[in-house]
Amino acid sequence: MPGDVVGPIDHYLASLRGQASDQVAGVYAVGSLALADFSSRYSNVDLVVVGDPPLTPLQVGSLRRAEKSLARAGRPGEVWYTSWPEVAGDAGTGADAALATPSPLATPMTRALLRQDALALLGPDWPVVGYDDAIFRAWCSTCLDALTARAKGLLVMRRAVTPIVLEASRLAQGAITGRLYSKSEAGEAVGSIVSTRYRRILTDAVGYRRGARTSMYWGPFERKYDALMLLRDLKEAADRSRRGSP
């Protein structure tokens, strides 16, 4: 775990124990921390807290104040409070149901992370998690559609383009393969889905997320063009997969 988040997490866990020491059954780091892809430029701290019995609204309200210690560089931490029955329960009866009624675990991606990649800070290393591959794929596809639609005015600055490119790559991989990738891993692997002409924009995005200072582009508008074309082709690839087309 990156050293600069150990202190904030320990501070939050101390508050959690103070509020509900006898109820805390599990605490898991998810998101980029769990996927070994934590970025000092972009990442925040994401946790799942399992209460047995579930924490009361009053307890959660008090802990919301303690969550402020998880903020980094203006990015607030995110904590989801849940219970073992909800974690292990059915993820839904179908993709439409899951998309219409969001889980207390935030999204199907959070549930997928908790199932296979979560970093256990407290509790069993491998919790039993209800999961449906079809729901995860459909959610990724729907989120990719929404991301592509709102990226029409994609900003030209590298710091704005990078997270959009990598999130689109991850969503496309999830929609097509059902596999959960980190953002950096998705940027490196998505070349198997789209043309090699996008190698530069993908390399540029992964490099910037990992701290690179130099860019592979001379100017921002060429980067913007490549990013928009990549999003278009990723969406088309996901649509073809959804239709069962080659």
C-alpha atoms as a PDB file:
ATOM      1  CA  MET A   1       0.000   0.000   0.000  1.00  0.00           C
ATOM      2  CA  PRO A   2       1.403   3.444  -0.869  1.00  0.00           C
ATOM      3  CA  GLY A   3       2.946   5.069   2.173  1.00  0.00           C
ATOM      4  CA  ASP A   4       1.023   8.326   1.809  1.00  0.00           C
ATOM      5  CA  VAL A   5      -2.338   6.609   2.335  1.00  0.00           C
ATOM      6  CA  VAL A   6      -1.383   4.392   5.301  1.00  0.00           C
ATOM      7  CA  GLY A   7      -1.755   7.212   7.837  1.00  0.00           C
ATOM      8  CA  PRO A   8      -5.163   8.448   6.582  1.00  0.00           C
ATOM      9  CA  ILE A   9      -6.533   4.884   6.468  1.00  0.00           C
ATOM     10  CA  ASP A  10      -5.249   4.126   9.990  1.00  0.00           C
ATOM     11  CA  HIS A  11      -6.895   7.346  11.224  1.00  0.00           C
ATOM     12  CA  TYR A  12     -10.216   6.330   9.681  1.00  0.00           C
ATOM     13  CA  LEU A  13      -9.974   2.764  11.064  1.00  0.00           C
ATOM     14  CA  ALA A  14      -9.380   4.156  14.557  1.00  0.00           C
ATOM     15  CA  SER A  15     -12.577   6.200  14.238  1.00  0.00           C
ATOM     16  CA  LEU A  16     -14.416   3.154  12.914  1.00  0.00           C
ATOM     17  CA  ARG A  17     -13.352   1.049  15.887  1.00  0.00           C
ATOM     18  CA  GLY A  18     -14.389   3.845  18.229  1.00  0.00           C
ATOM     19  CA  GLN A  19     -17.873   3.981  16.710  1.00  0.00           C
ATOM     20  CA  ALA A  20     -18.562   0.279  16.165  1.00  0.00           C
ATOM     21  CA  SER A  21     -15.773  -1.936  17.464  1.00  0.00           C
ATOM     22  CA  ASP A  22     -18.104  -4.902  18.108  1.00  0.00           C
ATOM     23  CA  GLN A  23     -19.861  -4.629  14.738  1.00  0.00           C
ATOM     24  CA  VAL A  24     -17.015  -4.278  12.254  1.00  0.00           C
ATOM     25  CA  ALA A  25     -16.690  -7.654  10.517  1.00  0.00           C
ATOM     26  CA  GLY A  26     -14.667  -6.626   7.483  1.00  0.00           C
ATOM     27  CA  VAL A  27     -12.914  -3.653   5.911  1.00  0.00           C
ATOM     28  CA  TYR A  28     -11.667  -3.866   2.321  1.00  0.00           C
ATOM     29  CA  ALA A  29      -9.715  -1.507   0.121  1.00  0.00           C
ATOM     30  CA  VAL A  30     -11.108  -1.543  -3.403  1.00  0.00           C
ATOM     31  CA  GLY A  31     -10.493   0.628  -6.448  1.00  0.00           C
ATOM     32  CA  SER A  32      -6.944   1.358  -7.551  1.00  0.00           C
ATOM     33  CA  LEU A  33      -5.476   0.332  -4.188  1.00  0.00           C
ATOM     34  CA  ALA A  34      -6.764  -3.211  -4.647  1.00  0.00           C
ATOM     35  CA  LEU A  35      -5.637  -3.359  -8.272  1.00  0.00           C
ATOM     36  CA  ALA A  36      -2.091  -2.140  -7.522  1.00  0.00           C
ATOM     37  CA  ASP A  37      -2.686   0.847  -9.778  1.00  0.00           C
ATOM     38  CA  PHE A  38      -2.747   3.714  -7.305  1.00  0.00           C
ATOM     39  CA  SER A  39      -1.913   7.023  -8.983  1.00  0.00           C
ATOM     40  CA  SER A  40      -0.699  10.048  -7.061  1.00  0.00           C
ATOM     41  CA  ARG A  41      -2.276  12.207  -9.793  1.00  0.00           C
ATOM     42  CA  TYR A  42      -5.732  10.652  -9.941  1.00  0.00           C
ATOM     43  CA  SER A  43      -6.561   8.043  -7.302  1.00  0.00           C
ATOM     44  CA  ASN A  44      -8.615   8.372  -4.173  1.00  0.00           C
ATOM     45  CA  VAL A  45      -9.151   5.909  -1.320  1.00  0.00           C
ATOM     46  CA  ASP A  46     -12.109   3.526  -1.736  1.00  0.00           C
ATOM     47  CA  LEU A  47     -13.199   1.280   1.139  1.00  0.00           C
ATOM     48  CA  VAL A  48     -15.985  -1.217   1.804  1.00  0.00           C
ATOM     49  CA  VAL A  49     -16.996  -1.637   5.450  1.00  0.00           C
ATOM     50  CA  VAL A  50     -19.024  -4.703   6.457  1.00  0.00           C
ATOM     51  CA  GLY A  51     -21.050  -4.484   9.658  1.00  0.00           C
ATOM     52  CA  ASP A  52     -22.412  -7.506  11.547  1.00  0.00           C
ATOM     53  CA  PRO A  53     -25.003  -6.446  12.538  1.00  0.00           C
ATOM     54  CA  PRO A  54     -25.206  -3.574  10.040  1.00  0.00           C
ATOM     55  CA  LEU A  55     -24.138  -0.148  11.224  1.00  0.00           C
ATOM     56  CA  THR A  56     -26.993   2.185  12.100  1.00  0.00           C
ATOM     57  CA  PRO A  57     -27.664   5.422  10.193  1.00  0.00           C
ATOM     58  CA  LEU A  58     -26.459   7.347  13.258  1.00  0.00           C
ATOM     59  CA  GLN A  59     -23.146   5.456  13.257  1.00  0.00           C
ATOM     60  CA  VAL A  60     -22.698   5.962   9.529  1.00  0.00           C
ATOM     61  CA  GLY A  61     -23.453   9.667   9.894  1.00  0.00           C
ATOM     62  CA  SER A  62     -20.726  10.028  12.508  1.00  0.00           C
ATOM     63  CA  LEU A  63     -18.271   8.096  10.350  1.00  0.00           C
ATOM     64  CA  ARG A  64     -18.935  10.354   7.384  1.00  0.00           C
ATOM     65  CA  ARG A  65     -17.076  13.031   9.295  1.00  0.00           C
ATOM     66  CA  ALA A  66     -14.160  10.645   9.900  1.00  0.00           C
ATOM     67  CA  GLU A  67     -14.021   9.925   6.151  1.00  0.00           C
ATOM     68  CA  LYS A  68     -12.605  13.407   5.609  1.00  0.00           C
ATOM     69  CA  SER A  69      -9.250  12.044   6.749  1.00  0.00           C
ATOM     70  CA  LEU A  70      -9.179   9.890   3.592  1.00  0.00           C
ATOM     71  CA  ALA A  71      -9.145  12.908   1.264  1.00  0.00           C
ATOM     72  CA  ARG A  72      -6.055  13.343  -0.900  1.00  0.00           C
ATOM     73  CA  ALA A  73      -5.154  16.422  -2.966  1.00  0.00           C
ATOM     74  CA  GLY A  74      -8.758  17.584  -2.934  1.00  0.00           C
ATOM     75  CA  ARG A  75     -10.133  14.139  -3.837  1.00  0.00           C
ATOM     76  CA  PRO A  76     -12.478  12.783  -1.140  1.00  0.00           C
ATOM     77  CA  GLY A  77     -12.364   9.159  -0.114  1.00  0.00           C
ATOM     78  CA  GLU A  78     -15.375   6.908  -0.726  1.00  0.00           C
ATOM     79  CA  VAL A  79     -16.668   4.396   1.800  1.00  0.00           C
ATOM     80  CA  TRP A  80     -19.570   1.989   1.293  1.00  0.00           C
ATOM     81  CA  TYR A  81     -21.247   0.524   4.370  1.00  0.00           C
ATOM     82  CA  THR A  82     -22.858  -2.855   3.907  1.00  0.00           C
ATOM     83  CA  SER A  83     -23.535  -6.236   5.578  1.00  0.00           C
ATOM     84  CA  TRP A  84     -22.636  -9.859   4.891  1.00  0.00           C
ATOM     85  CA  PRO A  85     -26.139 -10.748   3.609  1.00  0.00           C
ATOM     86  CA  GLU A  86     -26.011  -7.873   1.112  1.00  0.00           C
ATOM     87  CA  VAL A  87     -22.476  -8.788   0.019  1.00  0.00           C
ATOM     88  CA  ALA A  88     -23.338 -12.448  -0.466  1.00  0.00           C
ATOM     89  CA  GLY A  89     -26.812 -11.801  -1.850  1.00  0.00           C
ATOM     90  CA  ASP A  90     -27.959 -12.089  -5.418  1.00  0.00           C
ATOM     91  CA  ALA A  91     -26.535  -9.315  -7.570  1.00  0.00           C
ATOM     92  CA  GLY A  92     -29.912  -9.140  -9.314  1.00  0.00           C
ATOM     93  CA  THR A  93     -32.029 -11.174 -11.687  1.00  0.00           C
ATOM     94  CA  GLY A  94     -30.760  -9.504 -14.821  1.00  0.00           C
ATOM     95  CA  ALA A  95     -28.800  -6.607 -16.236  1.00  0.00           C
ATOM     96  CA  ASP A  96     -31.809  -4.308 -16.450  1.00  0.00           C
ATOM     97  CA  ALA A  97     -32.711  -4.878 -12.825  1.00  0.00           C
ATOM     98  CA  ALA A  98     -29.186  -4.140 -11.650  1.00  0.00           C
ATOM     99  CA  LEU A  99     -28.952  -0.955 -13.662  1.00  0.00           C
ATOM    100  CA  ALA A 100     -32.347   0.262 -12.496  1.00  0.00           C
ATOM    101  CA  THR A 101     -31.684  -0.405  -8.792  1.00  0.00           C
ATOM    102  CA  PRO A 102     -28.084   0.352  -7.821  1.00  0.00           C
ATOM    103  CA  SER A 103     -26.589  -1.912  -5.158  1.00  0.00           C
ATOM    104  CA  PRO A 104     -25.518  -0.487  -1.802  1.00  0.00           C
ATOM    105  CA  LEU A 105     -22.081  -1.625  -3.006  1.00  0.00           C
ATOM    106  CA  ALA A 106     -22.222   1.314  -5.410  1.00  0.00           C
ATOM    107  CA  THR A 107     -21.716  -0.408  -8.770  1.00  0.00           C
ATOM    108  CA  PRO A 108     -21.216  -3.886 -10.251  1.00  0.00           C
ATOM    109  CA  MET A 109     -17.539  -2.941 -10.612  1.00  0.00           C
ATOM    110  CA  THR A 110     -17.238  -2.457  -6.847  1.00  0.00           C
ATOM    111  CA  ARG A 111     -18.873  -5.849  -6.359  1.00  0.00           C
ATOM    112  CA  ALA A 112     -16.495  -7.450  -8.881  1.00  0.00           C
ATOM    113  CA  LEU A 113     -13.521  -5.884  -7.085  1.00  0.00           C
ATOM    114  CA  LEU A 114     -14.707  -7.128  -3.709  1.00  0.00           C
ATOM    115  CA  ARG A 115     -15.159 -10.614  -5.151  1.00  0.00           C
ATOM    116  CA  GLN A 116     -11.715 -11.152  -6.630  1.00  0.00           C
ATOM    117  CA  ASP A 117      -9.254  -8.350  -5.894  1.00  0.00           C
ATOM    118  CA  ALA A 118     -10.136  -6.629  -2.633  1.00  0.00           C
ATOM    119  CA  LEU A 119      -7.328  -5.864  -0.204  1.00  0.00           C
ATOM    120  CA  ALA A 120      -8.499  -7.116   3.189  1.00  0.00           C
ATOM    121  CA  LEU A 121      -7.674  -4.673   5.991  1.00  0.00           C
ATOM    122  CA  LEU A 122      -9.912  -6.569   8.398  1.00  0.00           C
ATOM    123  CA  GLY A 123     -11.963  -9.750   8.026  1.00  0.00           C
ATOM    124  CA  PRO A 124     -11.754 -12.769   5.706  1.00  0.00           C
ATOM    125  CA  ASP A 125      -9.454 -12.456   2.707  1.00  0.00           C
ATOM    126  CA  TRP A 126     -12.031 -13.910   0.314  1.00  0.00           C
ATOM    127  CA  PRO A 127     -15.574 -12.896   1.263  1.00  0.00           C
ATOM    128  CA  VAL A 128     -18.498 -14.609  -0.425  1.00  0.00           C
ATOM    129  CA  VAL A 129     -19.818 -12.097  -2.958  1.00  0.00           C
ATOM    130  CA  GLY A 130     -22.947 -12.380  -5.079  1.00  0.00           C
ATOM    131  CA  TYR A 131     -21.965 -11.701  -8.669  1.00  0.00           C
ATOM    132  CA  ASP A 132     -23.501 -11.944 -12.141  1.00  0.00           C
ATOM    133  CA  ASP A 133     -21.227 -11.722 -15.191  1.00  0.00           C
ATOM    134  CA  ALA A 134     -24.064 -10.559 -17.445  1.00  0.00           C
ATOM    135  CA  ILE A 135     -24.882  -7.691 -15.104  1.00  0.00           C
ATOM    136  CA  PHE A 136     -21.258  -6.597 -14.987  1.00  0.00           C
ATOM    137  CA  ARG A 137     -20.907  -6.663 -18.783  1.00  0.00           C
ATOM    138  CA  ALA A 138     -24.156  -4.775 -19.317  1.00  0.00           C
ATOM    139  CA  TRP A 139     -23.198  -2.149 -16.743  1.00  0.00           C
ATOM    140  CA  CYS A 140     -19.801  -1.630 -18.411  1.00  0.00           C
ATOM    141  CA  SER A 141     -21.473  -1.258 -21.794  1.00  0.00           C
ATOM    142  CA  THR A 142     -24.022   1.258 -20.495  1.00  0.00           C
ATOM    143  CA  CYS A 143     -21.323   3.302 -18.743  1.00  0.00           C
ATOM    144  CA  LEU A 144     -19.180   3.288 -21.895  1.00  0.00           C
ATOM    145  CA  ASP A 145     -22.123   4.610 -23.912  1.00  0.00           C
ATOM    146  CA  ALA A 146     -22.636   7.415 -21.391  1.00  0.00           C
ATOM    147  CA  LEU A 147     -18.933   8.268 -21.249  1.00  0.00           C
ATOM    148  CA  THR A 148     -18.675   8.416 -25.036  1.00  0.00           C
ATOM    149  CA  ALA A 149     -21.766  10.619 -25.291  1.00  0.00           C
ATOM    150  CA  ARG A 150     -20.530  13.212 -22.801  1.00  0.00           C
ATOM    151  CA  ALA A 151     -16.967  13.259 -24.177  1.00  0.00           C
ATOM    152  CA  LYS A 152     -17.984  15.249 -27.258  1.00  0.00           C
ATOM    153  CA  GLY A 153     -16.448  18.326 -25.691  1.00  0.00           C
ATOM    154  CA  LEU A 154     -13.384  16.427 -24.490  1.00  0.00           C
ATOM    155  CA  LEU A 155     -10.876  18.830 -22.991  1.00  0.00           C
ATOM    156  CA  VAL A 156      -7.500  19.118 -24.635  1.00  0.00           C
ATOM    157  CA  MET A 157      -5.367  19.127 -21.487  1.00  0.00           C
ATOM    158  CA  ARG A 158      -3.520  15.899 -20.892  1.00  0.00           C
ATOM    159  CA  ARG A 159      -4.672  15.648 -17.276  1.00  0.00           C
ATOM    160  CA  ALA A 160      -8.312  15.697 -18.455  1.00  0.00           C
ATOM    161  CA  VAL A 161      -7.904  13.356 -21.428  1.00  0.00           C
ATOM    162  CA  THR A 162      -5.969  10.634 -19.585  1.00  0.00           C
ATOM    163  CA  PRO A 163      -8.682   9.426 -17.149  1.00  0.00           C
ATOM    164  CA  ILE A 164     -11.325   9.389 -19.899  1.00  0.00           C
ATOM    165  CA  VAL A 165      -9.148   7.326 -22.242  1.00  0.00           C
ATOM    166  CA  LEU A 166      -8.265   4.791 -19.549  1.00  0.00           C
ATOM    167  CA  GLU A 167     -11.773   4.524 -18.104  1.00  0.00           C
ATOM    168  CA  ALA A 168     -13.192   3.936 -21.590  1.00  0.00           C
ATOM    169  CA  SER A 169     -10.562   1.248 -22.171  1.00  0.00           C
ATOM    170  CA  ARG A 170     -11.486  -0.470 -18.912  1.00  0.00           C
ATOM    171  CA  LEU A 171     -15.219  -0.322 -19.600  1.00  0.00           C
ATOM    172  CA  ALA A 172     -14.776  -1.697 -23.113  1.00  0.00           C
ATOM    173  CA  GLN A 173     -12.696  -4.592 -21.819  1.00  0.00           C
ATOM    174  CA  GLY A 174     -15.304  -5.308 -19.162  1.00  0.00           C
ATOM    175  CA  ALA A 175     -18.181  -5.203 -21.655  1.00  0.00           C
ATOM    176  CA  ILE A 176     -16.430  -7.493 -24.134  1.00  0.00           C
ATOM    177  CA  THR A 177     -14.498  -9.945 -21.955  1.00  0.00           C
ATOM    178  CA  GLY A 178     -16.224  -9.714 -18.569  1.00  0.00           C
ATOM    179  CA  ARG A 179     -12.808  -9.207 -16.996  1.00  0.00           C
ATOM    180  CA  LEU A 180     -12.042  -6.474 -14.483  1.00  0.00           C
ATOM    181  CA  TYR A 181      -8.917  -4.501 -15.389  1.00  0.00           C
ATOM    182  CA  SER A 182      -7.146  -1.685 -13.615  1.00  0.00           C
ATOM    183  CA  LYS A 183      -7.065   1.510 -15.648  1.00  0.00           C
ATOM    184  CA  SER A 184      -3.378   1.209 -16.494  1.00  0.00           C
ATOM    185  CA  GLU A 185      -3.710  -2.470 -17.341  1.00  0.00           C
ATOM    186  CA  ALA A 186      -6.702  -1.733 -19.564  1.00  0.00           C
ATOM    187  CA  GLY A 187      -4.757   0.945 -21.420  1.00  0.00           C
ATOM    188  CA  GLU A 188      -1.997  -1.557 -22.110  1.00  0.00           C
ATOM    189  CA  ALA A 189      -4.271  -4.455 -23.077  1.00  0.00           C
ATOM    190  CA  VAL A 190      -6.978  -2.730 -25.109  1.00  0.00           C
ATOM    191  CA  GLY A 191      -4.776  -2.819 -28.213  1.00  0.00           C
ATOM    192  CA  SER A 192      -6.203  -6.288 -28.833  1.00  0.00           C
ATOM    193  CA  ILE A 193      -9.627  -4.689 -29.382  1.00  0.00           C
ATOM    194  CA  VAL A 194      -8.784  -1.604 -31.450  1.00  0.00           C
ATOM    195  CA  SER A 195      -6.371  -0.643 -34.212  1.00  0.00           C
ATOM    196  CA  THR A 196      -2.658  -0.212 -33.551  1.00  0.00           C
ATOM    197  CA  ARG A 197      -3.073   3.425 -34.632  1.00  0.00           C
ATOM    198  CA  TYR A 198      -4.186   4.117 -31.064  1.00  0.00           C
ATOM    199  CA  ARG A 199      -0.947   2.897 -29.531  1.00  0.00           C
ATOM    200  CA  ARG A 200       0.297   6.455 -29.075  1.00  0.00           C
ATOM    201  CA  ILE A 201      -2.731   7.832 -27.235  1.00  0.00           C
ATOM    202  CA  LEU A 202      -2.865   4.760 -25.007  1.00  0.00           C
ATOM    203  CA  THR A 203       0.852   4.880 -24.212  1.00  0.00           C
ATOM    204  CA  ASP A 204       0.578   8.604 -23.529  1.00  0.00           C
ATOM    205  CA  ALA A 205      -2.346   8.086 -21.125  1.00  0.00           C
ATOM    206  CA  VAL A 206      -0.793   5.179 -19.221  1.00  0.00           C
ATOM    207  CA  GLY A 207       2.497   7.033 -18.945  1.00  0.00           C
ATOM    208  CA  TYR A 208       0.887  10.172 -17.565  1.00  0.00           C
ATOM    209  CA  ARG A 209      -1.121   8.195 -15.004  1.00  0.00           C
ATOM    210  CA  ARG A 210       2.121   6.625 -13.814  1.00  0.00           C
ATOM    211  CA  GLY A 211       3.895   9.955 -13.431  1.00  0.00           C
ATOM    212  CA  ALA A 212       5.546  10.628 -16.805  1.00  0.00           C
ATOM    213  CA  ARG A 213       6.243  14.292 -17.486  1.00  0.00           C
ATOM    214  CA  THR A 214       6.915  14.098 -21.219  1.00  0.00           C
ATOM    215  CA  SER A 215       4.127  13.648 -23.758  1.00  0.00           C
ATOM    216  CA  MET A 216       4.017  11.712 -26.996  1.00  0.00           C
ATOM    217  CA  TYR A 217       2.132  14.626 -28.600  1.00  0.00           C
ATOM    218  CA  TRP A 218       3.453  17.940 -29.854  1.00  0.00           C
ATOM    219  CA  GLY A 219       0.077  19.635 -29.480  1.00  0.00           C
ATOM    220  CA  PRO A 220      -3.160  19.084 -27.520  1.00  0.00           C
ATOM    221  CA  PHE A 221      -5.593  19.037 -30.440  1.00  0.00           C
ATOM    222  CA  GLU A 222      -4.030  15.972 -32.028  1.00  0.00           C
ATOM    223  CA  ARG A 223      -4.330  14.218 -28.656  1.00  0.00           C
ATOM    224  CA  LYS A 224      -7.965  15.260 -28.420  1.00  0.00           C
ATOM    225  CA  TYR A 225      -8.698  13.915 -31.911  1.00  0.00           C
ATOM    226  CA  ASP A 226      -7.068  10.553 -31.178  1.00  0.00           C
ATOM    227  CA  ALA A 227      -8.916  10.276 -27.857  1.00  0.00           C
ATOM    228  CA  LEU A 228     -12.299  10.931 -29.439  1.00  0.00           C
ATOM    229  CA  MET A 229     -11.638   8.439 -32.236  1.00  0.00           C
ATOM    230  CA  LEU A 230     -10.527   5.834 -29.697  1.00  0.00           C
ATOM    231  CA  LEU A 231     -13.715   6.260 -27.676  1.00  0.00           C
ATOM    232  CA  ARG A 232     -15.781   5.892 -30.848  1.00  0.00           C
ATOM    233  CA  ASP A 233     -14.025   2.667 -31.828  1.00  0.00           C
ATOM    234  CA  LEU A 234     -14.192   1.224 -28.320  1.00  0.00           C
ATOM    235  CA  LYS A 235     -17.934   1.836 -28.247  1.00  0.00           C
ATOM    236  CA  GLU A 236     -18.352   0.209 -31.651  1.00  0.00           C
ATOM    237  CA  ALA A 237     -16.345  -2.820 -30.524  1.00  0.00           C
ATOM    238  CA  ALA A 238     -18.491  -3.164 -27.397  1.00  0.00           C
ATOM    239  CA  ASP A 239     -21.669  -2.800 -29.453  1.00  0.00           C
ATOM    240  CA  ARG A 240     -20.529  -5.544 -31.835  1.00  0.00           C
ATOM    241  CA  SER A 241     -19.789  -7.819 -28.919  1.00  0.00           C
ATOM    242  CA  ARG A 242     -23.204  -7.156 -27.412  1.00  0.00           C
ATOM    243  CA  ARG A 243     -24.861  -8.047 -30.724  1.00  0.00           C
ATOM    244  CA  GLY A 244     -22.684 -11.118 -31.125  1.00  0.00           C
ATOM    245  CA  SER A 245     -21.180  -9.751 -34.340  1.00  0.00           C
ATOM    246  CA  PRO A 246     -17.533 -10.490 -35.281  1.00  0.00           C
END
